[in-house]
PDB file of N, CA and C in Angstrom:
ATOM      1  N   MET A   1     -71.019  99.219 274.436  1.00  0.00           N
ATOM      2  CA  MET A   1     -69.810  98.622 274.017  1.00  0.00           C
ATOM      3  C   MET A   1     -70.012  97.132 273.612  1.00  0.00           C
ATOM      4  N   LEU A   2     -69.663  96.293 271.987  1.00  0.00           N
ATOM      5  CA  LEU A   2     -70.347  95.467 271.704  1.00  0.00           C
ATOM      6  C   LEU A   2     -68.767  94.717 271.873  1.00  0.00           C
ATOM      7  N   LEU A   3     -68.596  93.344 272.321  1.00  0.00           N
ATOM      8  CA  LEU A   3     -67.525  92.583 272.934  1.00  0.00           C
ATOM      9  C   LEU A   3     -67.350  91.256 271.837  1.00  0.00           C
ATOM     10  N   THR A   4     -66.333  91.175 271.338  1.00  0.00           N
ATOM     11  CA  THR A   4     -66.233  89.947 270.866  1.00  0.00           C
ATOM     12  C   THR A   4     -65.817  88.610 271.451  1.00  0.00           C
ATOM     13  N   PRO A   5     -65.865  87.340 270.678  1.00  0.00           N
ATOM     14  CA  PRO A   5     -66.882  86.324 272.017  1.00  0.00           C
ATOM     15  C   PRO A   5     -64.712  85.848 272.401  1.00  0.00           C
ATOM     16  N   LYS A   6     -63.658  86.444 271.771  1.00  0.00           N
ATOM     17  CA  LYS A   6     -62.815  86.468 272.859  1.00  0.00           C
ATOM     18  C   LYS A   6     -62.591  87.023 274.449  1.00  0.00           C
ATOM     19  N   GLU A   7     -63.023  88.009 274.113  1.00  0.00           N
ATOM     20  CA  GLU A   7     -63.106  89.321 275.181  1.00  0.00           C
ATOM     21  C   GLU A   7     -63.317  88.558 276.123  1.00  0.00           C
ATOM     22  N   VAL A   8     -64.601  87.823 275.834  1.00  0.00           N
ATOM     23  CA  VAL A   8     -65.709  87.387 276.863  1.00  0.00           C
ATOM     24  C   VAL A   8     -64.962  86.227 277.660  1.00  0.00           C
ATOM     25  N   ARG A   9     -64.544  85.550 276.567  1.00  0.00           N
ATOM     26  CA  ARG A   9     -64.018  83.776 277.202  1.00  0.00           C
ATOM     27  C   ARG A   9     -62.368  84.811 278.036  1.00  0.00           C
ATOM     28  N   GLU A  10     -62.060  85.691 277.712  1.00  0.00           N
ATOM     29  CA  GLU A  10     -60.633  86.245 278.384  1.00  0.00           C
ATOM     30  C   GLU A  10     -60.822  86.642 279.686  1.00  0.00           C
ATOM     31  N   ALA A  11     -62.271  87.126 279.930  1.00  0.00           N
ATOM     32  CA  ALA A  11     -62.481  88.797 280.901  1.00  0.00           C
ATOM     33  C   ALA A  11     -62.338  87.971 282.370  1.00  0.00           C
ATOM     34  N   LYS A  12     -61.645  88.797 283.151  1.00  0.00           N
ATOM     35  CA  LYS A  12     -61.321  88.511 284.301  1.00  0.00           C
ATOM     36  C   LYS A  12     -62.020  89.609 285.455  1.00  0.00           C
ATOM     37  N   ILE A  13     -62.402  89.081 286.062  1.00  0.00           N
ATOM     38  CA  ILE A  13     -62.709  89.781 287.473  1.00  0.00           C
ATOM     39  C   ILE A  13     -62.915  89.789 288.341  1.00  0.00           C
ATOM     40  N   SER A  14     -62.232  90.975 289.077  1.00  0.00           N
ATOM     41  CA  SER A  14     -61.493  90.772 290.162  1.00  0.00           C
ATOM     42  C   SER A  14     -62.148  90.003 291.603  1.00  0.00           C
ATOM     43  N   THR A  15     -61.610  89.444 292.164  1.00  0.00           N
ATOM     44  CA  THR A  15     -62.433  89.162 293.261  1.00  0.00           C
ATOM     45  C   THR A  15     -62.384  89.859 294.656  1.00  0.00           C
ATOM     46  N   ARG A  16     -63.189  89.576 295.365  1.00  0.00           N
ATOM     47  CA  ARG A  16     -63.315  90.163 296.460  1.00  0.00           C
ATOM     48  C   ARG A  16     -64.107  89.186 298.111  1.00  0.00           C
ATOM     49  N   PHE A  17     -63.397  90.100 299.126  1.00  0.00           N
ATOM     50  CA  PHE A  17     -63.737  88.965 300.153  1.00  0.00           C
ATOM     51  C   PHE A  17     -62.327  88.082 300.558  1.00  0.00           C
ATOM     52  N   PHE A  18     -61.220  88.207 299.837  1.00  0.00           N
ATOM     53  CA  PHE A  18     -60.031  87.139 299.720  1.00  0.00           C
ATOM     54  C   PHE A  18     -60.632  86.353 299.336  1.00  0.00           C
ATOM     55  N   GLY A  19     -61.042  86.131 298.425  1.00  0.00           N
ATOM     56  CA  GLY A  19     -61.152  85.659 296.526  1.00  0.00           C
ATOM     57  C   GLY A  19     -62.014  84.219 297.070  1.00  0.00           C
ATOM     58  N   THR A  20     -63.081  85.267 297.640  1.00  0.00           N
ATOM     59  CA  THR A  20     -64.486  84.602 297.935  1.00  0.00           C
ATOM     60  C   THR A  20     -65.937  85.195 297.246  1.00  0.00           C
ATOM     61  N   GLY A  21     -65.377  85.993 296.708  1.00  0.00           N
ATOM     62  CA  GLY A  21     -66.562  86.721 295.477  1.00  0.00           C
ATOM     63  C   GLY A  21     -65.581  87.090 294.242  1.00  0.00           C
ATOM     64  N   TYR A  22     -66.694  87.648 293.968  1.00  0.00           N
ATOM     65  CA  TYR A  22     -66.322  88.121 292.486  1.00  0.00           C
ATOM     66  C   TYR A  22     -67.266  89.664 292.801  1.00  0.00           C
ATOM     67  N   ASP A  23     -66.151  91.107 292.108  1.00  0.00           N
ATOM     68  CA  ASP A  23     -66.732  92.418 292.112  1.00  0.00           C
ATOM     69  C   ASP A  23     -68.177  92.253 291.370  1.00  0.00           C
ATOM     70  N   ILE A  24     -69.051  92.431 292.454  1.00  0.00           N
ATOM     71  CA  ILE A  24     -70.792  92.907 291.892  1.00  0.00           C
ATOM     72  C   ILE A  24     -70.545  93.927 290.696  1.00  0.00           C
ATOM     73  N   GLU A  25     -70.196  95.169 290.961  1.00  0.00           N
ATOM     74  CA  GLU A  25     -69.964  96.418 289.947  1.00  0.00           C
ATOM     75  C   GLU A  25     -69.051  95.160 288.400  1.00  0.00           C
ATOM     76  N   GLU A  26     -68.332  95.188 288.741  1.00  0.00           N
ATOM     77  CA  GLU A  26     -67.412  94.336 287.586  1.00  0.00           C
ATOM     78  C   GLU A  26     -68.333  93.069 286.635  1.00  0.00           C
ATOM     79  N   THR A  27     -68.407  92.536 287.099  1.00  0.00           N
ATOM     80  CA  THR A  27     -70.128  91.311 286.771  1.00  0.00           C
ATOM     81  C   THR A  27     -71.034  92.236 286.063  1.00  0.00           C
ATOM     82  N   ASP A  28     -71.895  93.027 287.140  1.00  0.00           N
ATOM     83  CA  ASP A  28     -72.335  93.954 286.111  1.00  0.00           C
ATOM     84  C   ASP A  28     -72.039  94.275 284.869  1.00  0.00           C
ATOM     85  N   ARG A  29     -71.072  95.287 284.971  1.00  0.00           N
ATOM     86  CA  ARG A  29     -70.923  95.352 283.691  1.00  0.00           C
ATOM     87  C   ARG A  29     -70.471  94.769 282.358  1.00  0.00           C
ATOM     88  N   LEU A  30     -69.398  93.526 282.718  1.00  0.00           N
ATOM     89  CA  LEU A  30     -69.726  92.333 282.091  1.00  0.00           C
ATOM     90  C   LEU A  30     -70.817  92.116 281.617  1.00  0.00           C
ATOM     91  N   LEU A  31     -71.805  91.577 281.985  1.00  0.00           N
ATOM     92  CA  LEU A  31     -72.893  91.139 281.643  1.00  0.00           C
ATOM     93  C   LEU A  31     -73.793  91.908 280.982  1.00  0.00           C
ATOM     94  N   ASP A  32     -73.782  93.265 281.157  1.00  0.00           N
ATOM     95  CA  ASP A  32     -74.414  94.466 280.558  1.00  0.00           C
ATOM     96  C   ASP A  32     -73.650  94.427 279.139  1.00  0.00           C
ATOM     97  N   ASN A  33     -72.375  94.148 279.193  1.00  0.00           N
ATOM     98  CA  ASN A  33     -72.193  94.284 277.559  1.00  0.00           C
ATOM     99  C   ASN A  33     -72.244  93.469 276.708  1.00  0.00           C
ATOM    100  N   CYS A  34     -72.615  92.057 277.289  1.00  0.00           N
ATOM    101  CA  CYS A  34     -72.887  90.609 276.805  1.00  0.00           C
ATOM    102  C   CYS A  34     -74.306  90.775 276.251  1.00  0.00           C
ATOM    103  N   GLU A  35     -75.099  91.289 277.144  1.00  0.00           N
ATOM    104  CA  GLU A  35     -76.326  91.554 276.611  1.00  0.00           C
ATOM    105  C   GLU A  35     -76.483  92.056 275.587  1.00  0.00           C
ATOM    106  N   GLN A  36     -76.081  93.286 275.625  1.00  0.00           N
ATOM    107  CA  GLN A  36     -75.681  94.087 274.658  1.00  0.00           C
ATOM    108  C   GLN A  36     -75.507  93.946 273.029  1.00  0.00           C
ATOM    109  N   THR A  37     -74.461  92.579 273.612  1.00  0.00           N
ATOM    110  CA  THR A  37     -73.687  92.572 272.128  1.00  0.00           C
ATOM    111  C   THR A  37     -74.402  91.228 271.256  1.00  0.00           C
ATOM    112  N   ILE A  38     -75.288  90.485 272.496  1.00  0.00           N
ATOM    113  CA  ILE A  38     -76.161  89.710 271.851  1.00  0.00           C
ATOM    114  C   ILE A  38     -77.599  90.381 271.574  1.00  0.00           C
ATOM    115  N   GLU A  39     -78.110  91.695 271.874  1.00  0.00           N
ATOM    116  CA  GLU A  39     -79.067  92.146 271.135  1.00  0.00           C
ATOM    117  C   GLU A  39     -79.038  92.329 269.988  1.00  0.00           C
ATOM    118  N   ALA A  40     -77.698  93.079 269.869  1.00  0.00           N
ATOM    119  CA  ALA A  40     -76.992  93.747 268.806  1.00  0.00           C
ATOM    120  C   ALA A  40     -77.092  92.663 267.123  1.00  0.00           C
ATOM    121  N   VAL A  41     -76.615  91.070 268.014  1.00  0.00           N
ATOM    122  CA  VAL A  41     -76.558  90.833 266.401  1.00  0.00           C
ATOM    123  C   VAL A  41     -77.691  90.139 266.749  1.00  0.00           C
ATOM    124  N   GLY A  42     -78.717  89.658 267.702  1.00  0.00           N
ATOM    125  CA  GLY A  42     -80.266  89.250 267.187  1.00  0.00           C
ATOM    126  C   GLY A  42     -80.636  89.812 266.498  1.00  0.00           C
ATOM    127  N   THR A  43     -80.594  91.869 266.371  1.00  0.00           N
ATOM    128  CA  THR A  43     -81.178  92.551 265.309  1.00  0.00           C
ATOM    129  C   THR A  43     -80.197  92.848 263.978  1.00  0.00           C
ATOM    130  N   HIS A  44     -79.124  92.485 264.088  1.00  0.00           N
ATOM    131  CA  HIS A  44     -78.586  91.941 262.667  1.00  0.00           C
ATOM    132  C   HIS A  44     -78.921  90.960 262.162  1.00  0.00           C
ATOM    133  N   LEU A  45     -79.139  89.857 262.714  1.00  0.00           N
ATOM    134  CA  LEU A  45     -79.849  88.460 261.937  1.00  0.00           C
ATOM    135  C   LEU A  45     -81.329  88.755 262.077  1.00  0.00           C
ATOM    136  N   VAL A  46     -81.962  89.192 262.051  1.00  0.00           N
ATOM    137  CA  VAL A  46     -83.347  89.627 262.002  1.00  0.00           C
ATOM    138  C   VAL A  46     -82.973  90.731 260.237  1.00  0.00           C
ATOM    139  N   GLU A  47     -82.673  91.364 260.247  1.00  0.00           N
ATOM    140  CA  GLU A  47     -82.218  92.374 259.606  1.00  0.00           C
ATOM    141  C   GLU A  47     -81.303  91.462 258.049  1.00  0.00           C
ATOM    142  N   MET A  48     -80.396  90.507 258.412  1.00  0.00           N
ATOM    143  CA  MET A  48     -79.840  89.763 257.310  1.00  0.00           C
ATOM    144  C   MET A  48     -81.238  89.063 256.729  1.00  0.00           C
ATOM    145  N   LYS A  49     -82.160  87.911 257.829  1.00  0.00           N
ATOM    146  CA  LYS A  49     -82.454  87.515 257.123  1.00  0.00           C
ATOM    147  C   LYS A  49     -83.972  88.064 256.420  1.00  0.00           C
ATOM    148  N   ARG A  50     -84.500  89.658 256.714  1.00  0.00           N
ATOM    149  CA  ARG A  50     -85.215  90.258 255.871  1.00  0.00           C
ATOM    150  C   ARG A  50     -84.981  90.584 254.722  1.00  0.00           C
ATOM    151  N   ALA A  51     -82.984  90.695 254.666  1.00  0.00           N
ATOM    152  CA  ALA A  51     -82.943  90.982 253.144  1.00  0.00           C
ATOM    153  C   ALA A  51     -82.889  90.120 252.429  1.00  0.00           C
ATOM    154  N   MET A  52     -82.271  88.811 252.967  1.00  0.00           N
ATOM    155  CA  MET A  52     -82.440  87.149 252.223  1.00  0.00           C
ATOM    156  C   MET A  52     -83.504  87.109 251.486  1.00  0.00           C
ATOM    157  N   LEU A  53     -84.890  87.033 252.119  1.00  0.00           N
ATOM    158  CA  LEU A  53     -86.495  87.073 251.837  1.00  0.00           C
ATOM    159  C   LEU A  53     -86.331  88.063 250.718  1.00  0.00           C
ATOM    160  N   LYS A  54     -86.298  89.060 250.816  1.00  0.00           N
ATOM    161  CA  LYS A  54     -86.184  89.921 249.472  1.00  0.00           C
ATOM    162  C   LYS A  54     -85.472  90.177 248.283  1.00  0.00           C
ATOM    163  N   LEU A  55     -84.221  89.277 248.301  1.00  0.00           N
ATOM    164  CA  LEU A  55     -83.521  89.017 247.317  1.00  0.00           C
ATOM    165  C   LEU A  55     -84.348  87.407 247.225  1.00  0.00           C
ATOM    166  N   THR A  56     -84.422  86.758 247.911  1.00  0.00           N
ATOM    167  CA  THR A  56     -85.295  85.440 246.942  1.00  0.00           C
ATOM    168  C   THR A  56     -86.232  85.723 246.711  1.00  0.00           C
ATOM    169  N   GLN A  57     -87.465  87.035 246.738  1.00  0.00           N
ATOM    170  CA  GLN A  57     -88.434  86.898 246.181  1.00  0.00           C
ATOM    171  C   GLN A  57     -88.185  87.660 245.019  1.00  0.00           C
ATOM    172  N   LEU A  58     -87.204  88.315 244.505  1.00  0.00           N
ATOM    173  CA  LEU A  58     -86.653  88.905 243.614  1.00  0.00           C
ATOM    174  C   LEU A  58     -86.104  88.373 242.756  1.00  0.00           C
ATOM    175  N   LEU A  59     -85.733  87.127 242.747  1.00  0.00           N
ATOM    176  CA  LEU A  59     -84.955  85.981 241.921  1.00  0.00           C
ATOM    177  C   LEU A  59     -85.847  85.321 241.942  1.00  0.00           C
ATOM    178  N   GLU A  60     -87.147  84.732 242.336  1.00  0.00           N
ATOM    179  CA  GLU A  60     -88.209  84.202 241.912  1.00  0.00           C
ATOM    180  C   GLU A  60     -89.121  84.695 241.106  1.00  0.00           C
ATOM    181  N   ALA A  61     -88.991  85.676 240.799  1.00  0.00           N
ATOM    182  CA  ALA A  61     -89.631  86.898 240.608  1.00  0.00           C
ATOM    183  C   ALA A  61     -89.590  86.934 238.750  1.00  0.00           C
ATOM    184  N   HIS A  62     -88.537  87.062 238.555  1.00  0.00           N
ATOM    185  CA  HIS A  62     -87.406  87.225 237.626  1.00  0.00           C
ATOM    186  C   HIS A  62     -86.833  85.477 237.175  1.00  0.00           C
ATOM    187  N   ASN A  63     -87.786  84.622 237.526  1.00  0.00           N
ATOM    188  CA  ASN A  63     -87.076  83.307 237.520  1.00  0.00           C
ATOM    189  C   ASN A  63     -85.698  82.748 237.213  1.00  0.00           C
ATOM    190  N   ILE A  64     -84.655  83.516 238.017  1.00  0.00           N
ATOM    191  CA  ILE A  64     -83.607  83.080 238.202  1.00  0.00           C
ATOM    192  C   ILE A  64     -83.196  82.076 239.079  1.00  0.00           C
ATOM    193  N   PRO A  65     -82.765  81.281 238.739  1.00  0.00           N
ATOM    194  CA  PRO A  65     -82.450  79.924 239.716  1.00  0.00           C
ATOM    195  C   PRO A  65     -81.642  80.297 241.173  1.00  0.00           C
ATOM    196  N   ILE A  66     -81.936  79.694 242.010  1.00  0.00           N
ATOM    197  CA  ILE A  66     -81.566  79.984 242.877  1.00  0.00           C
ATOM    198  C   ILE A  66     -80.912  78.790 243.959  1.00  0.00           C
ATOM    199  N   PRO A  67     -79.489  78.676 243.875  1.00  0.00           N
ATOM    200  CA  PRO A  67     -78.486  77.927 243.962  1.00  0.00           C
ATOM    201  C   PRO A  67     -78.728  77.095 245.375  1.00  0.00           C
ATOM    202  N   GLN A  68     -78.678  76.110 245.671  1.00  0.00           N
ATOM    203  CA  GLN A  68     -79.231  75.033 247.003  1.00  0.00           C
ATOM    204  C   GLN A  68     -77.401  75.213 247.830  1.00  0.00           C
ATOM    205  N   THR A  69     -77.565  75.514 248.986  1.00  0.00           N
ATOM    206  CA  THR A  69     -76.482  75.503 249.970  1.00  0.00           C
ATOM    207  C   THR A  69     -76.224  74.524 250.766  1.00  0.00           C
ATOM    208  N   ILE A  70     -75.243  74.352 251.070  1.00  0.00           N
ATOM    209  CA  ILE A  70     -74.924  73.005 251.376  1.00  0.00           C
ATOM    210  C   ILE A  70     -75.314  73.031 253.279  1.00  0.00           C
TER     211      ILE A  70
END
């Protein structure tokens, strides 16, 4: 399950032992979901960088100017 930043920010983890600790299983699930989200975003970023490089090479091969970004 991919998480949004808002879901991570608003995550509530139950306390145990009269409020002195967090529920280990809930915490592990949240961290597992965070890991999956970060991994998916990282994979997507790598794919986007590859696509951008291919497009840049294609533009350069056809002598099409590449606009500079801010």
